[in-house]
Protein backbone atom coordinates (compact mmCIF):
# COMPACT_ATOMS: atom_id res chain seq x y z
CA MET A 1 13.78 84.18 -21.14
CA SER A 2 14.99 84.97 -24.62
CA GLN A 3 14.47 82.34 -27.37
CA SER A 4 16.89 83.86 -29.70
CA ASN A 5 19.34 80.89 -29.62
CA PHE A 6 16.63 78.44 -30.63
CA SER A 7 14.16 78.26 -33.44
CA PHE A 8 12.13 75.56 -35.36
CA LYS A 9 10.97 75.90 -38.85
CA GLU A 10 8.66 73.49 -40.79
CA ILE A 11 10.41 72.79 -44.16
CA HIS A 12 7.57 70.53 -45.75
CA ILE A 13 4.55 68.77 -44.88
CA CYS A 14 3.83 65.54 -46.79
CA LYS A 15 0.67 65.70 -48.76
CA GLN A 16 0.05 62.04 -48.36
CA THR A 17 0.45 61.73 -44.60
CA GLY A 18 0.91 64.96 -43.00
CA ALA A 19 4.38 64.02 -41.74
CA ARG A 20 6.87 66.74 -41.57
CA VAL A 21 10.44 67.70 -42.27
CA GLY A 22 11.83 70.60 -40.16
CA GLU A 23 14.92 72.44 -39.09
CA PHE A 24 15.73 72.87 -35.31
CA THR A 25 18.33 75.63 -34.77
CA THR A 26 20.42 75.33 -31.56
CA PRO A 27 23.52 77.16 -30.22
CA HIS A 28 25.59 74.30 -31.60
CA GLY A 29 24.00 73.72 -34.97
CA VAL A 30 21.04 73.13 -36.97
CA ILE A 31 19.24 69.77 -36.77
CA LYS A 32 17.33 68.36 -39.70
CA THR A 33 14.27 66.54 -38.49
CA PRO A 34 13.00 63.93 -38.12
CA VAL A 35 16.10 62.85 -36.45
CA PHE A 36 17.47 59.83 -34.43
CA MET A 37 19.78 60.61 -31.54
CA PRO A 38 22.50 58.18 -30.54
CA VAL A 39 22.77 57.91 -26.61
CA GLY A 40 25.94 58.79 -24.84
CA THR A 41 24.82 57.72 -21.38
CA GLN A 42 28.10 58.38 -19.69
CA ALA A 43 29.30 61.14 -21.99
CA THR A 44 30.20 58.69 -24.61
CA VAL A 45 28.39 56.51 -27.19
CA LYS A 46 29.53 53.14 -26.10
CA THR A 47 32.65 51.83 -27.87
CA LEU A 48 32.57 54.69 -30.49
CA ALA A 49 34.81 57.76 -30.66
CA PRO A 50 33.13 61.11 -31.24
CA TYR A 51 34.66 61.41 -34.69
CA GLU A 52 33.11 58.04 -35.65
CA VAL A 53 29.82 59.23 -34.43
CA GLU A 54 29.95 62.36 -36.48
CA GLU A 55 31.24 60.46 -39.47
CA LEU A 56 28.17 58.15 -39.41
CA GLY A 57 25.99 61.02 -39.73
CA ALA A 58 24.75 61.73 -36.17
CA GLN A 59 23.50 65.29 -35.79
CA ILE A 60 22.96 65.30 -31.99
CA ILE A 61 23.54 62.97 -29.15
CA LEU A 62 21.97 62.43 -25.78
CA SER A 63 23.71 62.14 -22.27
CA ASN A 64 22.17 61.12 -18.96
CA THR A 65 21.94 63.46 -16.06
CA TYR A 66 21.47 60.72 -13.23
CA HIS A 67 24.61 58.79 -14.47
CA LEU A 68 26.73 61.85 -14.93
CA TYR A 69 25.63 63.17 -11.57
CA MET A 70 26.74 59.90 -9.95
CA ARG A 71 30.06 59.76 -11.85
CA PRO A 72 32.20 61.98 -12.25
CA GLY A 73 29.74 64.62 -10.76
CA GLU A 74 28.40 67.60 -12.58
CA GLU A 75 30.92 69.92 -11.24
CA ILE A 76 33.74 67.87 -12.81
CA VAL A 77 32.01 68.25 -16.05
CA ARG A 78 31.62 71.99 -15.51
CA HIS A 79 35.21 72.29 -14.62
CA ASN A 80 36.09 70.65 -18.05
CA GLY A 81 34.07 73.30 -19.89
CA GLY A 82 30.71 71.44 -20.04
CA LEU A 83 29.71 68.44 -21.84
CA HIS A 84 30.90 69.60 -25.28
CA ASP A 85 34.43 70.21 -24.32
CA PHE A 86 34.31 67.23 -21.82
CA MET A 87 33.60 64.74 -24.60
CA ASN A 88 34.91 66.66 -27.54
CA TRP A 89 31.48 66.75 -29.26
CA HIS A 90 30.69 70.24 -30.61
CA LYS A 91 27.26 69.47 -32.26
CA PRO A 92 24.06 69.65 -30.09
CA ILE A 93 23.63 67.73 -27.03
CA LEU A 94 20.48 66.77 -25.08
CA THR A 95 20.35 65.78 -21.54
CA ASP A 96 17.42 63.95 -19.83
CA SER A 97 16.41 65.06 -16.32
CA GLY A 98 17.45 62.00 -14.51
CA GLY A 99 13.92 61.12 -13.57
CA PHE A 100 13.58 58.00 -15.42
CA GLN A 101 16.62 56.49 -13.86
CA VAL A 102 15.70 57.62 -10.52
CA PHE A 103 12.52 55.63 -10.81
CA SER A 104 13.74 52.64 -12.71
CA LEU A 105 17.26 51.91 -11.58
CA SER A 106 17.45 53.18 -7.89
CA ARG A 107 15.95 51.77 -4.72
CA LEU A 108 13.40 54.39 -3.95
CA ASN A 109 13.00 55.52 -0.30
CA LYS A 110 10.34 58.24 -0.70
CA ILE A 111 8.58 60.09 -3.25
CA THR A 112 6.88 63.27 -2.22
CA ASP A 113 5.56 66.51 -4.04
CA ASP A 114 8.84 68.14 -3.09
CA GLY A 115 11.00 65.45 -4.80
CA VAL A 116 12.49 61.94 -4.56
CA GLU A 117 14.84 60.45 -2.07
CA PHE A 118 16.65 57.52 -3.36
CA ASN A 119 19.75 55.30 -2.93
CA SER A 120 22.43 55.18 -5.66
CA HIS A 121 22.43 52.02 -7.80
CA LEU A 122 26.22 52.06 -7.47
CA ASP A 123 26.94 52.09 -3.69
CA GLY A 124 23.61 52.51 -1.98
CA SER A 125 24.49 56.15 -0.96
CA ARG A 126 21.54 58.40 -0.11
CA HIS A 127 20.60 61.23 -2.59
CA TYR A 128 17.67 63.67 -3.11
CA PHE A 129 16.45 65.04 -6.35
CA THR A 130 14.02 67.92 -6.59
CA PRO A 131 13.05 69.75 -9.77
CA GLU A 132 15.43 72.47 -8.86
CA LYS A 133 18.29 70.05 -8.36
CA SER A 134 17.80 68.41 -11.74
CA ILE A 135 17.86 71.85 -13.53
CA ASP A 136 20.97 72.83 -11.46
CA ILE A 137 22.75 69.56 -12.63
CA GLN A 138 21.68 70.10 -16.38
CA ASN A 139 22.86 73.82 -16.08
CA ALA A 140 26.32 72.51 -14.97
CA LEU A 141 26.46 69.91 -17.68
CA GLY A 142 25.77 72.52 -20.22
CA ALA A 143 23.73 70.71 -22.90
CA ASP A 144 21.74 72.68 -25.55
CA ILE A 145 18.42 70.90 -24.74
CA ILE A 146 17.50 70.04 -21.09
CA MET A 147 14.48 68.15 -19.77
CA ALA A 148 12.01 68.85 -17.04
CA PHE A 149 12.04 66.63 -13.93
CA ASP A 150 9.02 64.41 -14.21
CA GLU A 151 7.54 61.19 -12.46
CA CYS A 152 7.45 58.39 -15.16
CA SER A 153 4.75 56.14 -13.64
CA ALA A 154 5.16 52.47 -14.44
CA ALA A 155 3.30 50.83 -17.52
CA GLY A 156 0.24 49.12 -16.06
CA CYS A 157 -0.33 51.22 -12.97
CA ASP A 158 -3.85 52.14 -12.25
CA LYS A 159 -5.61 55.32 -13.48
CA GLU A 160 -5.82 56.90 -10.05
CA TYR A 161 -2.03 56.67 -9.38
CA SER A 162 -1.35 57.71 -13.07
CA ALA A 163 -3.39 60.88 -12.58
CA HIS A 164 -1.65 61.62 -9.24
CA ALA A 165 1.73 61.13 -10.92
CA LEU A 166 0.72 63.47 -13.89
CA ASP A 167 -0.39 66.15 -11.33
CA ARG A 168 2.86 65.87 -9.64
CA THR A 169 4.73 66.06 -12.95
CA LEU A 170 2.87 69.36 -13.84
CA LYS A 171 3.62 70.90 -10.42
CA TRP A 172 7.37 69.92 -10.91
CA LEU A 173 7.25 71.38 -14.40
CA ASP A 174 6.19 74.82 -12.96
CA ARG A 175 9.14 74.66 -10.51
CA CYS A 176 11.59 73.70 -13.30
CA LYS A 177 10.42 76.46 -15.59
CA ALA A 178 10.77 79.03 -12.77
CA HIS A 179 14.16 77.76 -11.75
CA HIS A 180 15.66 77.67 -15.24
CA LYS A 181 17.30 80.93 -16.28
CA ASN A 182 20.00 79.90 -18.93
CA ASP A 183 18.80 81.27 -22.34
CA LYS A 184 21.48 78.97 -24.00
CA GLN A 185 19.61 75.85 -23.03
CA MET A 186 16.13 75.03 -24.06
CA LEU A 187 13.93 73.40 -21.50
CA PHE A 188 11.64 70.68 -22.87
CA PRO A 189 8.57 69.81 -20.77
CA ILE A 190 7.30 66.24 -20.79
CA ILE A 191 3.87 65.03 -21.48
CA GLN A 192 3.03 62.11 -19.17
CA GLY A 193 -0.33 60.39 -18.52
CA ASN A 194 0.54 56.63 -18.70
CA MET A 195 -1.57 54.59 -21.07
CA TYR A 196 -4.73 56.64 -20.53
CA GLU A 197 -5.85 58.64 -23.68
CA ASP A 198 -7.69 61.19 -21.58
CA LEU A 199 -4.75 61.72 -19.23
CA ARG A 200 -2.43 62.12 -22.18
CA VAL A 201 -4.68 64.67 -23.73
CA LYS A 202 -4.92 66.62 -20.36
CA ALA A 203 -1.18 66.41 -19.99
CA ALA A 204 -0.58 67.80 -23.35
CA ARG A 205 -2.97 70.70 -22.94
CA GLU A 206 -1.48 71.60 -19.51
CA THR A 207 2.05 71.09 -20.55
CA ILE A 208 2.27 72.74 -23.88
CA PRO A 209 1.95 76.38 -22.38
CA TYR A 210 5.34 75.78 -20.66
CA ALA A 211 7.16 74.93 -23.96
CA ASP A 212 9.13 77.72 -25.68
CA CYS A 213 10.70 75.54 -28.49
CA GLY A 214 10.27 71.89 -27.86
CA ILE A 215 8.08 69.29 -26.19
CA ALA A 216 8.81 65.79 -25.18
CA VAL A 217 6.47 62.60 -24.82
CA GLY A 218 7.71 60.41 -22.00
CA GLY A 219 6.47 57.22 -20.24
CA LEU A 220 6.06 55.31 -23.48
CA SER A 221 8.00 52.14 -24.70
CA VAL A 222 8.19 51.17 -21.03
CA GLY A 223 6.69 47.70 -21.37
CA GLU A 224 3.47 48.30 -23.16
CA SER A 225 2.70 46.90 -26.50
CA LYS A 226 3.70 48.95 -29.61
CA SER A 227 -0.13 49.05 -30.54
CA VAL A 228 -0.89 50.83 -27.26
CA MET A 229 2.17 53.30 -27.70
CA TYR A 230 0.74 54.18 -31.22
CA LYS A 231 -2.64 54.72 -29.86
CA MET A 232 -1.33 57.21 -27.34
CA LEU A 233 0.71 58.95 -30.11
CA ASP A 234 -2.55 59.04 -32.25
CA ALA A 235 -4.37 60.73 -29.29
CA LEU A 236 -1.62 63.31 -28.81
CA ARG A 237 -1.06 64.25 -32.49
CA PRO A 238 -3.87 66.87 -32.84
CA GLU A 239 -2.61 68.67 -29.67
CA TYR A 240 0.92 69.38 -30.84
CA PRO A 241 1.82 73.00 -31.63
CA ARG A 242 3.52 73.30 -35.15
CA ASN A 243 6.14 75.74 -34.31
CA MET A 244 8.33 73.56 -32.15
CA PRO A 245 9.97 70.04 -32.35
CA ARG A 246 8.30 67.01 -30.78
CA TYR A 247 10.40 64.42 -29.09
CA LEU A 248 9.58 60.78 -28.24
CA MET A 249 11.92 59.68 -25.41
CA GLY A 250 13.54 56.24 -25.41
CA VAL A 251 12.36 54.83 -28.71
CA GLY A 252 14.68 53.52 -31.37
CA SER A 253 13.56 50.32 -33.42
CA PRO A 254 13.28 50.97 -37.16
CA ASP A 255 9.58 50.26 -37.15
CA CYS A 256 8.92 52.64 -34.14
CA LEU A 257 10.91 55.41 -35.80
CA ALA A 258 8.86 55.24 -39.01
CA GLU A 259 5.57 54.85 -37.29
CA GLY A 260 6.41 57.75 -34.78
CA VAL A 261 7.18 60.06 -37.82
CA LEU A 262 3.83 59.13 -39.24
CA ARG A 263 2.26 60.19 -36.04
CA GLY A 264 3.93 63.71 -35.91
CA ILE A 265 7.20 63.06 -33.96
CA ASP A 266 10.37 64.79 -34.90
CA MET A 267 13.15 63.54 -32.49
CA PHE A 268 13.89 60.01 -31.18
CA ASP A 269 16.61 58.52 -28.93
CA CYS A 270 17.41 55.04 -27.67
CA VAL A 271 20.20 52.78 -26.38
CA LEU A 272 18.77 50.05 -28.54
CA PRO A 273 21.17 50.15 -31.52
CA THR A 274 24.33 50.04 -29.36
CA ARG A 275 22.96 47.79 -26.71
CA THR A 276 22.07 45.11 -29.20
CA ALA A 277 25.14 45.46 -31.09
CA ARG A 278 27.11 44.51 -28.02
CA ASN A 279 25.10 41.26 -28.08
CA GLY A 280 25.85 40.63 -31.58
CA LEU A 281 22.52 41.83 -33.11
CA ALA A 282 22.53 44.03 -36.32
CA PHE A 283 19.74 46.01 -38.13
CA THR A 284 19.69 45.36 -41.74
CA SER A 285 17.43 45.96 -44.69
CA GLU A 286 16.21 42.24 -44.33
CA GLY A 287 15.41 42.49 -40.65
CA LYS A 288 17.48 41.79 -37.58
CA LEU A 289 20.64 39.57 -37.96
CA THR A 290 21.97 37.75 -34.90
CA VAL A 291 25.64 37.62 -35.91
CA ARG A 292 26.81 35.01 -33.53
CA ASN A 293 24.53 32.26 -34.98
CA ALA A 294 26.38 29.43 -36.58
CA VAL A 295 24.86 29.83 -39.90
CA TYR A 296 27.13 32.86 -40.53
CA LYS A 297 30.31 31.01 -39.75
CA GLU A 298 31.53 30.89 -43.41
CA ASP A 299 29.28 33.76 -44.71
CA LEU A 300 31.30 36.03 -46.84
CA ARG A 301 28.61 38.68 -47.31
CA PRO A 302 28.44 41.99 -45.28
CA LEU A 303 26.03 42.43 -42.57
CA ASP A 304 23.82 44.30 -45.03
CA PRO A 305 24.30 44.18 -48.92
CA ASP A 306 22.36 47.36 -49.05
CA CYS A 307 24.53 49.34 -46.61
CA ASP A 308 27.80 51.28 -47.38
CA CYS A 309 29.00 51.88 -43.86
CA TYR A 310 32.71 51.09 -42.96
CA ALA A 311 31.71 47.73 -41.40
CA CYS A 312 29.72 46.55 -44.41
CA LYS A 313 32.36 47.67 -46.87
CA ASN A 314 35.20 45.99 -45.22
CA PHE A 315 34.15 42.91 -43.23
CA SER A 316 32.18 39.75 -43.65
CA ARG A 317 29.57 38.25 -41.58
CA SER A 318 31.96 35.44 -40.77
CA TYR A 319 34.67 37.79 -39.49
CA LEU A 320 32.17 39.70 -37.48
CA ARG A 321 30.84 36.49 -36.02
CA HIS A 322 34.30 35.46 -34.99
CA LEU A 323 34.84 38.84 -33.25
CA VAL A 324 31.60 38.56 -31.37
CA ASN A 325 32.06 34.94 -30.27
CA THR A 326 35.53 35.52 -29.02
CA GLY A 327 34.49 38.71 -27.07
CA GLU A 328 36.66 41.05 -29.03
CA THR A 329 35.64 44.63 -28.51
CA LEU A 330 36.03 45.31 -32.19
CA GLY A 331 32.99 43.19 -32.88
CA ALA A 332 30.85 45.56 -30.59
CA ARG A 333 32.43 48.64 -32.19
CA LEU A 334 31.75 47.72 -35.87
CA ILE A 335 28.19 46.52 -35.25
CA SER A 336 27.46 49.55 -33.18
CA TYR A 337 28.70 51.74 -36.02
CA HIS A 338 26.66 49.90 -38.45
CA ASN A 339 23.47 49.98 -36.40
CA LEU A 340 23.70 53.73 -35.83
CA TYR A 341 24.64 54.33 -39.45
CA TYR A 342 21.59 52.13 -40.56
CA LEU A 343 19.17 54.46 -38.42
CA THR A 344 20.77 57.54 -39.53
CA ARG A 345 20.37 56.38 -43.24
CA LEU A 346 16.76 55.45 -42.56
CA MET A 347 15.87 58.94 -41.20
CA GLU A 348 17.43 60.35 -44.34
CA LYS A 349 15.27 58.06 -46.34
CA ILE A 350 12.24 59.23 -44.29
CA ARG A 351 13.09 62.80 -44.79
CA ALA A 352 13.46 62.35 -48.48
CA ALA A 353 10.05 60.53 -48.80
CA ILE A 354 8.44 63.29 -46.94
CA LEU A 355 9.93 66.06 -49.15
CA SER A 356 8.77 64.19 -52.28
CA ASP A 357 5.20 63.83 -50.83
CA SER A 358 5.51 60.02 -50.96
CA TYR A 359 5.75 59.02 -47.25
CA GLY A 360 2.46 56.97 -47.58
CA ASP A 361 4.09 55.03 -50.30
CA PHE A 362 7.24 54.70 -48.38
CA MET A 363 5.40 53.33 -45.22
CA ALA A 364 3.50 50.88 -47.42
CA GLU A 365 6.72 49.38 -48.90
CA PHE A 366 8.52 49.59 -45.49
CA ARG A 367 5.74 47.68 -43.68
CA ALA A 368 5.76 44.97 -46.39
CA ARG A 369 9.57 44.30 -46.17
CA LYS A 370 11.41 42.12 -43.76
CA GLU A 371 12.90 45.38 -42.45
CA TYR A 372 9.67 46.14 -40.84
CA THR A 373 9.62 43.94 -37.85
CA ASP A 374 8.20 43.60 -34.37
CA ASN A 375 11.12 41.46 -33.31
CA VAL A 376 12.34 43.87 -30.58
CA LYS A 377 10.53 43.67 -27.34
CA PRO A 378 9.14 46.84 -25.91
CA THR A 379 11.18 46.39 -22.66
CA ASP A 380 14.24 46.31 -24.81
CA LEU A 381 13.64 49.91 -25.85
CA CYS A 382 13.68 51.38 -22.28
CA ASP A 383 16.57 53.91 -22.05
CA ALA A 384 17.53 52.89 -18.53
CA ILE A 385 21.36 52.55 -18.85
């Protein structure tokens, strides 16, 4: 299959750390990496209009195959011209395979080497996903980047089952690769292996030959400690090819983004910034800020004095607290906008530090500030809904 619609170019490698800046060319635009991708699970980034997501600086968004298959159905999306026209977003889009949701949200009936039989989390109806079915759905959705169907084994499962799940994932990858024929969509294979270094390295070595212009790391940030996640990334880093982007799935806390870039990752996504925003939690340069707390009742400062987003330029913590505590949708909208803007600017700062060969200095300062925090539980990072 032709790769002419996609290419990746390393722009600069930091002399201090080896972290890199790149450019990933897709049919709907060039993505500057490292990049954070907002999640539009149901073909929308929750509470925000597409022009707002573009305005805050997002370069690419993610949508979810499982949820769009359930509602409205991939044929409705195809009838609307594909996801780009359906949601009026004309920059790049990535869709996941639906595998994570099949395993995490649904009441499973049976997993075999052929596929997964499961009941819908919505109405209990019976469905069957195979690698070919996942590819067909993603072809209909029309995203620029699509993912191979994989088995994401649960954190903490034993090595024997993890190895079996990995072997199944590799067999499914072979079927995905054979079935995918659309050269306007780039298929990313996914490295699994649970929390076992030798399985991760085996997975990388057997998965990378299937990668044309992009590879993903799955099955992390699913309940393990961040130190374990970093250990797995450290083990994988020597295995990555240089000529394609590397995507760490479902990770989006500020500290994990910075540490992931340090370990060779180019792309990230997570529902965390919008999910926490709907609960009144904001990312700031001084760490997390829980807006609903009484201490902010008369606080006239912006969410983050160092931020120039629309929310911070126009509204006080006092007003935002009022919106959150009265259940007004505007509160979730403004904090969602701020959180995504904050992460977008963080990635811009990271790229600038790499380009100036000072990412090591950046990380030393970042870790020393309140901004660097382990205050988000790993289970909050899971991109399940």
